[in-house]
Amino acid sequence: MGEAIKIGITGLPNAGKTYALLKVIEMLEGKELTVGGMITEPIMEDDRRVGFYIMDWASKKKKILAHANLDSKIMVGKYGVDLSALEDVGVKALRDASANADVIVIDEVGKMEIECESFIDAVKEALEVDKPLILTLHKKSRNPLLQDIRRRDDVRILEVTPVNRDLLPYKIVKIMQGEIW
């Protein structure tokens, strides 16, 4: 790996942000690197997305982050959001990865996640760690955290599209290895 390169993957919903990130993780782990952090996974019922899991990549512990049937004070679209799941799994995963992993991943910094102050703090802390970091970012949000990430000189933002999502992971790994910028 090159220096502590930080890459943000952005794109429209369903463009393939998580897909690209998972492919990068697979490639990095193939190079014997330890990857840690958090991933969001869709919860599917009858071929329809009804919510999202939050998963600690290292431990594989997961909880329901958001669900259409979840009664919550915090609603994002049709989903009720469980901030305690984000704190218990996501925030802990980010802090563990900051301390123990070779590469930190954060999927995603989006509308649900930015409702949680401890998550925002954990993202800011991870960005200051001298380790490579890859995160997926909601494309259109004007939230201060996302705007700060986009403005950082040490974060390279790449957009994933249905056209480039199969090649983008290879480009990201080359950037992380210092082969291209």
N, C-alpha and C. Protein backbone atom coordinates (compact mmCIF):
# COMPACT_ATOMS: atom_id res chain seq x y z
N MET A 1 0.83 -1.19 0.00
CA MET A 1 0.00 0.00 0.00
C MET A 1 0.87 1.24 0.00
N GLY A 2 0.34 2.25 -0.66
CA GLY A 2 1.00 3.54 -0.65
C GLY A 2 0.76 4.22 0.69
N GLU A 3 0.85 5.54 0.70
CA GLU A 3 0.58 6.27 1.93
C GLU A 3 -0.89 6.08 2.33
N ALA A 4 -1.31 6.74 3.37
CA ALA A 4 -2.67 6.56 3.89
C ALA A 4 -3.67 7.26 2.98
N ILE A 5 -3.88 6.69 1.81
CA ILE A 5 -4.79 7.26 0.81
C ILE A 5 -6.23 7.07 1.27
N LYS A 6 -7.01 8.10 1.08
CA LYS A 6 -8.42 8.05 1.46
C LYS A 6 -9.26 8.28 0.21
N ILE A 7 -10.20 7.37 -0.01
CA ILE A 7 -11.01 7.43 -1.23
C ILE A 7 -12.49 7.42 -0.85
N GLY A 8 -13.22 8.34 -1.45
CA GLY A 8 -14.67 8.38 -1.30
C GLY A 8 -15.31 7.89 -2.59
N ILE A 9 -16.21 6.93 -2.47
CA ILE A 9 -16.96 6.44 -3.62
C ILE A 9 -18.35 7.04 -3.52
N THR A 10 -18.74 7.78 -4.54
CA THR A 10 -20.06 8.39 -4.55
C THR A 10 -20.81 7.92 -5.79
N GLY A 11 -22.08 8.19 -5.81
CA GLY A 11 -22.91 7.81 -6.95
C GLY A 11 -24.37 7.85 -6.55
N LEU A 12 -25.21 7.77 -7.54
CA LEU A 12 -26.65 7.78 -7.30
C LEU A 12 -27.06 6.48 -6.60
N PRO A 13 -28.24 6.46 -5.95
CA PRO A 13 -28.71 5.22 -5.35
C PRO A 13 -28.74 4.10 -6.39
N ASN A 14 -28.30 2.93 -5.97
CA ASN A 14 -28.26 1.72 -6.80
C ASN A 14 -27.26 1.80 -7.95
N ALA A 15 -26.32 2.75 -7.91
CA ALA A 15 -25.30 2.82 -8.95
C ALA A 15 -24.24 1.74 -8.77
N GLY A 16 -24.08 1.27 -7.54
CA GLY A 16 -23.09 0.22 -7.28
C GLY A 16 -22.00 0.61 -6.31
N LYS A 17 -22.27 1.55 -5.40
CA LYS A 17 -21.25 1.99 -4.44
C LYS A 17 -20.80 0.83 -3.56
N THR A 18 -21.75 0.14 -2.95
CA THR A 18 -21.41 -0.97 -2.06
C THR A 18 -20.79 -2.12 -2.86
N TYR A 19 -21.32 -2.37 -4.05
CA TYR A 19 -20.76 -3.42 -4.91
C TYR A 19 -19.28 -3.15 -5.18
N ALA A 20 -18.95 -1.91 -5.56
CA ALA A 20 -17.56 -1.55 -5.85
C ALA A 20 -16.71 -1.69 -4.59
N LEU A 21 -17.23 -1.25 -3.45
CA LEU A 21 -16.49 -1.35 -2.20
C LEU A 21 -16.22 -2.80 -1.84
N LEU A 22 -17.23 -3.67 -1.96
CA LEU A 22 -17.03 -5.09 -1.63
C LEU A 22 -15.99 -5.73 -2.53
N LYS A 23 -15.96 -5.35 -3.79
CA LYS A 23 -14.95 -5.87 -4.72
C LYS A 23 -13.56 -5.40 -4.30
N VAL A 24 -13.42 -4.13 -3.91
CA VAL A 24 -12.13 -3.62 -3.44
C VAL A 24 -11.70 -4.39 -2.20
N ILE A 25 -12.62 -4.61 -1.26
CA ILE A 25 -12.29 -5.36 -0.04
C ILE A 25 -11.77 -6.76 -0.41
N GLU A 26 -12.46 -7.42 -1.32
CA GLU A 26 -12.04 -8.76 -1.75
C GLU A 26 -10.60 -8.73 -2.31
N MET A 27 -10.31 -7.72 -3.12
CA MET A 27 -8.98 -7.60 -3.71
C MET A 27 -7.92 -7.29 -2.64
N LEU A 28 -8.24 -6.42 -1.69
CA LEU A 28 -7.29 -6.08 -0.63
C LEU A 28 -7.03 -7.28 0.27
N GLU A 29 -8.09 -7.99 0.62
CA GLU A 29 -7.91 -9.18 1.47
C GLU A 29 -7.11 -10.25 0.73
N GLY A 30 -7.22 -10.28 -0.61
CA GLY A 30 -6.42 -11.19 -1.41
C GLY A 30 -4.93 -10.84 -1.35
N LYS A 31 -4.62 -9.61 -0.97
CA LYS A 31 -3.24 -9.17 -0.81
C LYS A 31 -2.80 -9.27 0.66
N GLU A 32 -3.57 -10.05 1.44
CA GLU A 32 -3.25 -10.30 2.86
C GLU A 32 -3.36 -9.07 3.75
N LEU A 33 -4.19 -8.10 3.35
CA LEU A 33 -4.43 -6.93 4.19
C LEU A 33 -5.66 -7.18 5.07
N THR A 34 -5.62 -6.66 6.27
CA THR A 34 -6.75 -6.76 7.19
C THR A 34 -7.66 -5.56 6.96
N VAL A 35 -8.91 -5.85 6.61
CA VAL A 35 -9.88 -4.79 6.37
C VAL A 35 -10.88 -4.78 7.52
N GLY A 36 -11.19 -3.61 8.03
CA GLY A 36 -12.17 -3.48 9.10
C GLY A 36 -13.04 -2.27 8.87
N GLY A 37 -14.16 -2.24 9.56
CA GLY A 37 -15.09 -1.14 9.43
C GLY A 37 -16.51 -1.66 9.31
N MET A 38 -17.37 -0.90 8.65
CA MET A 38 -18.78 -1.27 8.59
C MET A 38 -19.30 -1.26 7.16
N ILE A 39 -20.24 -2.16 6.94
CA ILE A 39 -20.88 -2.32 5.64
C ILE A 39 -22.39 -2.29 5.88
N THR A 40 -23.14 -1.72 4.96
CA THR A 40 -24.60 -1.83 5.02
C THR A 40 -25.03 -2.83 3.94
N GLU A 41 -26.00 -3.65 4.29
CA GLU A 41 -26.53 -4.65 3.36
C GLU A 41 -28.03 -4.47 3.25
N PRO A 42 -28.59 -4.62 2.08
CA PRO A 42 -30.05 -4.52 1.96
C PRO A 42 -30.73 -5.72 2.57
N ILE A 43 -31.91 -5.50 3.13
CA ILE A 43 -32.78 -6.59 3.59
C ILE A 43 -33.84 -6.76 2.51
N MET A 44 -33.88 -7.92 1.92
CA MET A 44 -34.79 -8.17 0.79
C MET A 44 -35.92 -9.11 1.21
N GLU A 45 -37.12 -8.78 0.79
CA GLU A 45 -38.29 -9.65 0.96
C GLU A 45 -39.06 -9.62 -0.36
N ASP A 46 -39.29 -10.78 -0.95
CA ASP A 46 -40.00 -10.87 -2.23
C ASP A 46 -39.40 -9.95 -3.28
N ASP A 47 -38.07 -9.97 -3.39
CA ASP A 47 -37.34 -9.14 -4.37
C ASP A 47 -37.52 -7.64 -4.19
N ARG A 48 -37.93 -7.22 -2.99
CA ARG A 48 -38.07 -5.79 -2.68
C ARG A 48 -37.19 -5.47 -1.47
N ARG A 49 -36.53 -4.32 -1.53
CA ARG A 49 -35.74 -3.89 -0.39
C ARG A 49 -36.68 -3.33 0.66
N VAL A 50 -36.60 -3.88 1.86
CA VAL A 50 -37.46 -3.42 2.96
C VAL A 50 -36.66 -2.81 4.11
N GLY A 51 -35.34 -2.80 3.97
CA GLY A 51 -34.52 -2.24 5.03
C GLY A 51 -33.04 -2.49 4.78
N PHE A 52 -32.26 -2.24 5.84
CA PHE A 52 -30.81 -2.39 5.75
C PHE A 52 -30.25 -2.97 7.04
N TYR A 53 -29.29 -3.87 6.89
CA TYR A 53 -28.48 -4.33 8.02
C TYR A 53 -27.24 -3.45 8.10
N ILE A 54 -26.70 -3.33 9.30
CA ILE A 54 -25.38 -2.74 9.50
C ILE A 54 -24.50 -3.89 9.97
N MET A 55 -23.31 -4.05 9.35
CA MET A 55 -22.45 -5.18 9.69
C MET A 55 -21.02 -4.72 9.96
N ASP A 56 -20.45 -5.27 11.02
CA ASP A 56 -19.04 -5.09 11.33
C ASP A 56 -18.28 -6.05 10.41
N TRP A 57 -17.48 -5.52 9.50
CA TRP A 57 -16.81 -6.35 8.50
C TRP A 57 -15.90 -7.38 9.15
N ALA A 58 -15.17 -7.00 10.19
CA ALA A 58 -14.21 -7.90 10.82
C ALA A 58 -14.89 -9.04 11.58
N SER A 59 -15.88 -8.71 12.40
CA SER A 59 -16.52 -9.73 13.25
C SER A 59 -17.73 -10.38 12.58
N LYS A 60 -18.26 -9.74 11.56
CA LYS A 60 -19.48 -10.16 10.84
C LYS A 60 -20.74 -10.01 11.70
N LYS A 61 -20.62 -9.35 12.86
CA LYS A 61 -21.80 -9.06 13.67
C LYS A 61 -22.69 -8.09 12.91
N LYS A 62 -24.00 -8.34 12.91
CA LYS A 62 -24.89 -7.41 12.22
C LYS A 62 -26.21 -7.26 12.95
N LYS A 63 -26.80 -6.10 12.73
CA LYS A 63 -28.10 -5.76 13.30
C LYS A 63 -28.90 -5.02 12.24
N ILE A 64 -30.19 -4.93 12.47
CA ILE A 64 -31.05 -4.16 11.57
C ILE A 64 -30.85 -2.67 11.86
N LEU A 65 -30.40 -1.95 10.86
CA LEU A 65 -30.21 -0.49 10.97
C LEU A 65 -31.51 0.24 10.67
N ALA A 66 -32.20 -0.22 9.63
CA ALA A 66 -33.42 0.46 9.20
C ALA A 66 -34.36 -0.56 8.57
N HIS A 67 -35.66 -0.33 8.76
CA HIS A 67 -36.64 -1.25 8.19
C HIS A 67 -37.95 -0.50 7.99
N ALA A 68 -38.65 -0.90 6.94
CA ALA A 68 -39.94 -0.27 6.64
C ALA A 68 -40.95 -0.49 7.77
N ASN A 69 -40.81 -1.58 8.52
CA ASN A 69 -41.74 -1.89 9.60
C ASN A 69 -41.23 -1.47 10.98
N LEU A 70 -40.13 -0.75 11.03
CA LEU A 70 -39.56 -0.34 12.30
C LEU A 70 -40.18 0.97 12.76
N ASP A 71 -40.75 0.96 13.95
CA ASP A 71 -41.34 2.17 14.52
C ASP A 71 -40.22 2.96 15.18
N SER A 72 -39.94 4.14 14.68
CA SER A 72 -38.82 4.93 15.18
C SER A 72 -39.15 6.41 15.09
N LYS A 73 -38.53 7.18 15.99
CA LYS A 73 -38.66 8.64 15.90
C LYS A 73 -37.93 9.16 14.67
N ILE A 74 -36.94 8.41 14.21
CA ILE A 74 -36.15 8.84 13.06
C ILE A 74 -36.57 8.04 11.84
N MET A 75 -37.11 8.74 10.87
CA MET A 75 -37.55 8.14 9.61
C MET A 75 -36.73 8.74 8.48
N VAL A 76 -36.23 7.88 7.60
CA VAL A 76 -35.55 8.32 6.38
C VAL A 76 -36.29 7.65 5.24
N GLY A 77 -37.05 8.45 4.52
CA GLY A 77 -37.94 7.89 3.51
C GLY A 77 -38.96 7.01 4.21
N LYS A 78 -39.11 5.79 3.73
CA LYS A 78 -40.08 4.87 4.32
C LYS A 78 -39.50 4.03 5.45
N TYR A 79 -38.23 4.26 5.80
CA TYR A 79 -37.54 3.42 6.77
C TYR A 79 -37.44 4.06 8.15
N GLY A 80 -37.78 3.28 9.17
CA GLY A 80 -37.49 3.67 10.53
C GLY A 80 -36.04 3.29 10.81
N VAL A 81 -35.31 4.15 11.51
CA VAL A 81 -33.88 3.94 11.74
C VAL A 81 -33.63 3.64 13.21
N ASP A 82 -32.81 2.61 13.48
CA ASP A 82 -32.42 2.22 14.83
C ASP A 82 -30.99 2.70 15.10
N LEU A 83 -30.88 3.87 15.72
CA LEU A 83 -29.55 4.44 15.98
C LEU A 83 -28.74 3.58 16.95
N SER A 84 -29.40 2.86 17.84
CA SER A 84 -28.65 2.02 18.79
C SER A 84 -27.92 0.90 18.04
N ALA A 85 -28.50 0.39 16.95
CA ALA A 85 -27.81 -0.63 16.15
C ALA A 85 -26.58 -0.02 15.48
N LEU A 86 -26.70 1.21 15.00
CA LEU A 86 -25.57 1.89 14.38
C LEU A 86 -24.45 2.11 15.40
N GLU A 87 -24.82 2.50 16.61
CA GLU A 87 -23.81 2.71 17.65
C GLU A 87 -23.17 1.40 18.07
N ASP A 88 -24.00 0.38 18.28
CA ASP A 88 -23.52 -0.91 18.77
C ASP A 88 -22.64 -1.62 17.75
N VAL A 89 -23.00 -1.57 16.49
CA VAL A 89 -22.24 -2.29 15.46
C VAL A 89 -21.33 -1.35 14.67
N GLY A 90 -21.89 -0.30 14.08
CA GLY A 90 -21.13 0.56 13.18
C GLY A 90 -20.05 1.37 13.85
N VAL A 91 -20.39 2.09 14.90
CA VAL A 91 -19.42 2.93 15.59
C VAL A 91 -18.32 2.07 16.19
N LYS A 92 -18.70 0.96 16.79
CA LYS A 92 -17.70 0.05 17.37
C LYS A 92 -16.79 -0.49 16.28
N ALA A 93 -17.35 -0.86 15.13
CA ALA A 93 -16.55 -1.39 14.02
C ALA A 93 -15.53 -0.35 13.52
N LEU A 94 -15.97 0.91 13.43
CA LEU A 94 -15.05 1.96 12.96
C LEU A 94 -13.92 2.19 13.96
N ARG A 95 -14.24 2.18 15.23
CA ARG A 95 -13.19 2.40 16.24
C ARG A 95 -12.24 1.20 16.29
N ASP A 96 -12.78 -0.01 16.16
CA ASP A 96 -11.92 -1.21 16.13
C ASP A 96 -11.01 -1.18 14.90
N ALA A 97 -11.57 -0.81 13.74
CA ALA A 97 -10.78 -0.77 12.51
C ALA A 97 -9.70 0.30 12.59
N SER A 98 -10.03 1.44 13.18
CA SER A 98 -9.04 2.52 13.33
C SER A 98 -7.85 2.05 14.14
N ALA A 99 -8.10 1.19 15.12
CA ALA A 99 -7.03 0.70 15.98
C ALA A 99 -6.31 -0.52 15.40
N ASN A 100 -7.05 -1.42 14.72
CA ASN A 100 -6.50 -2.73 14.41
C ASN A 100 -6.36 -3.12 12.94
N ALA A 101 -7.09 -2.49 12.04
CA ALA A 101 -7.10 -2.92 10.64
C ALA A 101 -6.00 -2.23 9.83
N ASP A 102 -5.65 -2.84 8.70
CA ASP A 102 -4.72 -2.20 7.76
C ASP A 102 -5.46 -1.15 6.93
N VAL A 103 -6.74 -1.43 6.61
CA VAL A 103 -7.56 -0.54 5.79
C VAL A 103 -8.92 -0.38 6.47
N ILE A 104 -9.42 0.85 6.53
CA ILE A 104 -10.71 1.16 7.15
C ILE A 104 -11.74 1.36 6.04
N VAL A 105 -12.92 0.72 6.20
CA VAL A 105 -14.01 0.92 5.24
C VAL A 105 -15.25 1.44 5.98
N ILE A 106 -15.95 2.36 5.33
CA ILE A 106 -17.18 2.93 5.89
C ILE A 106 -18.23 2.95 4.79
N ASP A 107 -19.24 2.10 4.93
CA ASP A 107 -20.34 2.03 3.96
C ASP A 107 -21.64 2.17 4.74
N GLU A 108 -22.28 3.24 4.75
CA GLU A 108 -22.06 4.42 3.97
C GLU A 108 -22.23 5.62 4.87
N VAL A 109 -21.75 6.76 4.41
CA VAL A 109 -22.03 8.02 5.08
C VAL A 109 -23.22 8.60 4.33
N GLY A 110 -24.42 8.31 4.85
CA GLY A 110 -25.65 8.69 4.16
C GLY A 110 -26.67 9.28 5.12
N LYS A 111 -27.88 9.41 4.63
CA LYS A 111 -28.93 10.10 5.38
C LYS A 111 -29.25 9.44 6.71
N MET A 112 -29.26 8.10 6.75
CA MET A 112 -29.58 7.41 8.00
C MET A 112 -28.46 7.58 9.02
N GLU A 113 -27.23 7.36 8.55
CA GLU A 113 -26.09 7.33 9.45
C GLU A 113 -25.79 8.69 10.07
N ILE A 114 -26.02 9.77 9.33
CA ILE A 114 -25.66 11.09 9.85
C ILE A 114 -26.64 11.60 10.90
N GLU A 115 -27.65 10.79 11.21
CA GLU A 115 -28.55 11.12 12.32
C GLU A 115 -27.92 10.79 13.68
N CYS A 116 -26.77 10.12 13.65
CA CYS A 116 -26.14 9.60 14.88
C CYS A 116 -24.85 10.37 15.17
N GLU A 117 -24.84 11.12 16.27
CA GLU A 117 -23.68 11.94 16.64
C GLU A 117 -22.44 11.09 16.86
N SER A 118 -22.57 9.94 17.53
CA SER A 118 -21.37 9.13 17.78
C SER A 118 -20.82 8.55 16.47
N PHE A 119 -21.68 8.30 15.48
CA PHE A 119 -21.21 7.86 14.16
C PHE A 119 -20.41 8.98 13.50
N ILE A 120 -20.94 10.19 13.52
CA ILE A 120 -20.25 11.34 12.94
C ILE A 120 -18.87 11.48 13.57
N ASP A 121 -18.80 11.37 14.90
CA ASP A 121 -17.52 11.47 15.61
C ASP A 121 -16.57 10.35 15.18
N ALA A 122 -17.09 9.12 15.05
CA ALA A 122 -16.25 7.98 14.67
C ALA A 122 -15.71 8.14 13.25
N VAL A 123 -16.51 8.70 12.34
CA VAL A 123 -16.05 8.95 10.97
C VAL A 123 -14.94 10.00 10.99
N LYS A 124 -15.15 11.08 11.72
CA LYS A 124 -14.13 12.13 11.81
C LYS A 124 -12.82 11.57 12.38
N GLU A 125 -12.94 10.73 13.42
CA GLU A 125 -11.75 10.12 14.02
C GLU A 125 -11.05 9.21 13.01
N ALA A 126 -11.81 8.40 12.28
CA ALA A 126 -11.22 7.48 11.29
C ALA A 126 -10.50 8.24 10.19
N LEU A 127 -11.04 9.39 9.79
CA LEU A 127 -10.41 10.19 8.75
C LEU A 127 -9.05 10.74 9.19
N GLU A 128 -8.85 10.86 10.50
CA GLU A 128 -7.58 11.39 11.01
C GLU A 128 -6.54 10.31 11.26
N VAL A 129 -6.94 9.03 11.21
CA VAL A 129 -6.01 7.93 11.43
C VAL A 129 -5.10 7.81 10.20
N ASP A 130 -3.85 7.50 10.44
CA ASP A 130 -2.87 7.41 9.35
C ASP A 130 -2.92 6.01 8.71
N LYS A 131 -4.07 5.71 8.12
CA LYS A 131 -4.29 4.43 7.45
C LYS A 131 -5.13 4.69 6.21
N PRO A 132 -4.99 3.82 5.19
CA PRO A 132 -5.88 3.94 4.03
C PRO A 132 -7.34 3.78 4.48
N LEU A 133 -8.22 4.53 3.83
CA LEU A 133 -9.64 4.51 4.18
C LEU A 133 -10.46 4.61 2.89
N ILE A 134 -11.51 3.82 2.82
CA ILE A 134 -12.44 3.90 1.69
C ILE A 134 -13.83 4.06 2.27
N LEU A 135 -14.57 5.05 1.77
CA LEU A 135 -15.93 5.22 2.26
C LEU A 135 -16.86 5.50 1.10
N THR A 136 -18.10 5.12 1.28
CA THR A 136 -19.11 5.45 0.28
C THR A 136 -19.91 6.63 0.83
N LEU A 137 -20.24 7.54 -0.11
CA LEU A 137 -20.90 8.78 0.27
C LEU A 137 -22.19 8.97 -0.51
N HIS A 138 -23.22 9.42 0.20
CA HIS A 138 -24.46 9.80 -0.46
C HIS A 138 -24.13 10.93 -1.43
N LYS A 139 -24.58 10.84 -2.66
CA LYS A 139 -24.17 11.79 -3.70
C LYS A 139 -24.69 13.21 -3.50
N LYS A 140 -25.94 13.37 -3.13
CA LYS A 140 -26.54 14.69 -3.17
C LYS A 140 -26.70 15.38 -1.81
N SER A 141 -26.38 14.69 -0.74
CA SER A 141 -26.60 15.27 0.58
C SER A 141 -25.75 16.52 0.79
N ARG A 142 -26.34 17.49 1.42
CA ARG A 142 -25.64 18.73 1.77
C ARG A 142 -25.30 18.76 3.26
N ASN A 143 -25.33 17.62 3.90
CA ASN A 143 -25.00 17.54 5.31
C ASN A 143 -23.57 18.05 5.54
N PRO A 144 -23.33 18.78 6.64
CA PRO A 144 -21.99 19.33 6.89
C PRO A 144 -20.88 18.27 6.90
N LEU A 145 -21.14 17.07 7.44
CA LEU A 145 -20.10 16.03 7.47
C LEU A 145 -19.71 15.64 6.05
N LEU A 146 -20.70 15.41 5.20
CA LEU A 146 -20.40 15.03 3.81
C LEU A 146 -19.70 16.15 3.06
N GLN A 147 -20.13 17.39 3.30
CA GLN A 147 -19.46 18.51 2.64
C GLN A 147 -18.01 18.63 3.11
N ASP A 148 -17.77 18.42 4.41
CA ASP A 148 -16.40 18.46 4.93
C ASP A 148 -15.53 17.37 4.29
N ILE A 149 -16.09 16.17 4.16
CA ILE A 149 -15.34 15.07 3.55
C ILE A 149 -14.99 15.41 2.10
N ARG A 150 -15.97 15.92 1.36
CA ARG A 150 -15.74 16.26 -0.05
C ARG A 150 -14.70 17.36 -0.22
N ARG A 151 -14.59 18.25 0.77
CA ARG A 151 -13.64 19.38 0.68
C ARG A 151 -12.23 19.01 1.10
N ARG A 152 -12.06 17.90 1.76
CA ARG A 152 -10.73 17.53 2.28
C ARG A 152 -9.74 17.32 1.14
N ASP A 153 -8.53 17.84 1.34
CA ASP A 153 -7.48 17.66 0.33
C ASP A 153 -6.97 16.22 0.27
N ASP A 154 -7.12 15.48 1.37
CA ASP A 154 -6.57 14.12 1.41
C ASP A 154 -7.59 13.04 1.03
N VAL A 155 -8.77 13.43 0.56
CA VAL A 155 -9.77 12.45 0.13
C VAL A 155 -10.00 12.62 -1.37
N ARG A 156 -9.80 11.56 -2.10
CA ARG A 156 -10.09 11.56 -3.54
C ARG A 156 -11.48 10.99 -3.75
N ILE A 157 -12.35 11.74 -4.40
CA ILE A 157 -13.73 11.32 -4.63
C ILE A 157 -13.85 10.74 -6.04
N LEU A 158 -14.39 9.53 -6.13
CA LEU A 158 -14.61 8.86 -7.41
C LEU A 158 -16.09 8.54 -7.52
N GLU A 159 -16.66 8.73 -8.70
CA GLU A 159 -18.07 8.43 -8.88
C GLU A 159 -18.23 7.08 -9.55
N VAL A 160 -19.09 6.25 -8.97
CA VAL A 160 -19.41 4.96 -9.58
C VAL A 160 -20.70 5.12 -10.38
N THR A 161 -20.70 4.48 -11.53
CA THR A 161 -21.88 4.47 -12.39
C THR A 161 -22.10 3.02 -12.82
N PRO A 162 -23.28 2.70 -13.35
CA PRO A 162 -23.47 1.34 -13.86
C PRO A 162 -22.44 0.97 -14.95
N VAL A 163 -21.92 1.97 -15.65
CA VAL A 163 -20.95 1.71 -16.72
C VAL A 163 -19.56 1.38 -16.17
N ASN A 164 -19.11 2.08 -15.10
CA ASN A 164 -17.74 1.88 -14.63
C ASN A 164 -17.64 1.01 -13.37
N ARG A 165 -18.75 0.52 -12.84
CA ARG A 165 -18.68 -0.14 -11.54
C ARG A 165 -17.86 -1.43 -11.53
N ASP A 166 -17.71 -2.09 -12.69
CA ASP A 166 -16.88 -3.30 -12.72
C ASP A 166 -15.39 -2.97 -12.79
N LEU A 167 -15.03 -1.83 -13.39
CA LEU A 167 -13.61 -1.46 -13.51
C LEU A 167 -13.13 -0.58 -12.37
N LEU A 168 -14.02 0.17 -11.75
CA LEU A 168 -13.63 1.11 -10.69
C LEU A 168 -12.87 0.44 -9.54
N PRO A 169 -13.26 -0.75 -9.07
CA PRO A 169 -12.49 -1.37 -7.98
C PRO A 169 -11.02 -1.58 -8.32
N TYR A 170 -10.72 -1.94 -9.57
CA TYR A 170 -9.33 -2.13 -9.97
C TYR A 170 -8.57 -0.80 -9.93
N LYS A 171 -9.23 0.27 -10.37
CA LYS A 171 -8.63 1.60 -10.34
C LYS A 171 -8.36 2.01 -8.89
N ILE A 172 -9.32 1.76 -8.00
CA ILE A 172 -9.15 2.12 -6.58
C ILE A 172 -7.95 1.40 -5.98
N VAL A 173 -7.82 0.11 -6.25
CA VAL A 173 -6.69 -0.65 -5.70
C VAL A 173 -5.37 -0.10 -6.25
N LYS A 174 -5.33 0.25 -7.53
CA LYS A 174 -4.11 0.83 -8.11
C LYS A 174 -3.78 2.17 -7.45
N ILE A 175 -4.81 2.98 -7.19
CA ILE A 175 -4.59 4.26 -6.49
C ILE A 175 -4.03 3.98 -5.09
N MET A 176 -4.61 3.01 -4.41
CA MET A 176 -4.18 2.70 -3.04
C MET A 176 -2.74 2.16 -3.01
N GLN A 177 -2.34 1.51 -4.09
CA GLN A 177 -0.97 0.99 -4.16
C GLN A 177 0.01 2.05 -4.64
N GLY A 178 -0.49 3.25 -4.95
CA GLY A 178 0.37 4.33 -5.40
C GLY A 178 0.78 4.22 -6.86
N GLU A 179 0.09 3.34 -7.61
CA GLU A 179 0.45 3.15 -9.02
C GLU A 179 -0.11 4.26 -9.90
N ILE A 180 -1.25 4.79 -9.55
CA ILE A 180 -1.86 5.90 -10.30
C ILE A 180 -2.44 6.88 -9.31
N TRP A 181 -2.70 8.08 -9.73
CA TRP A 181 -3.41 9.06 -8.89
C TRP A 181 -4.48 9.67 -9.70
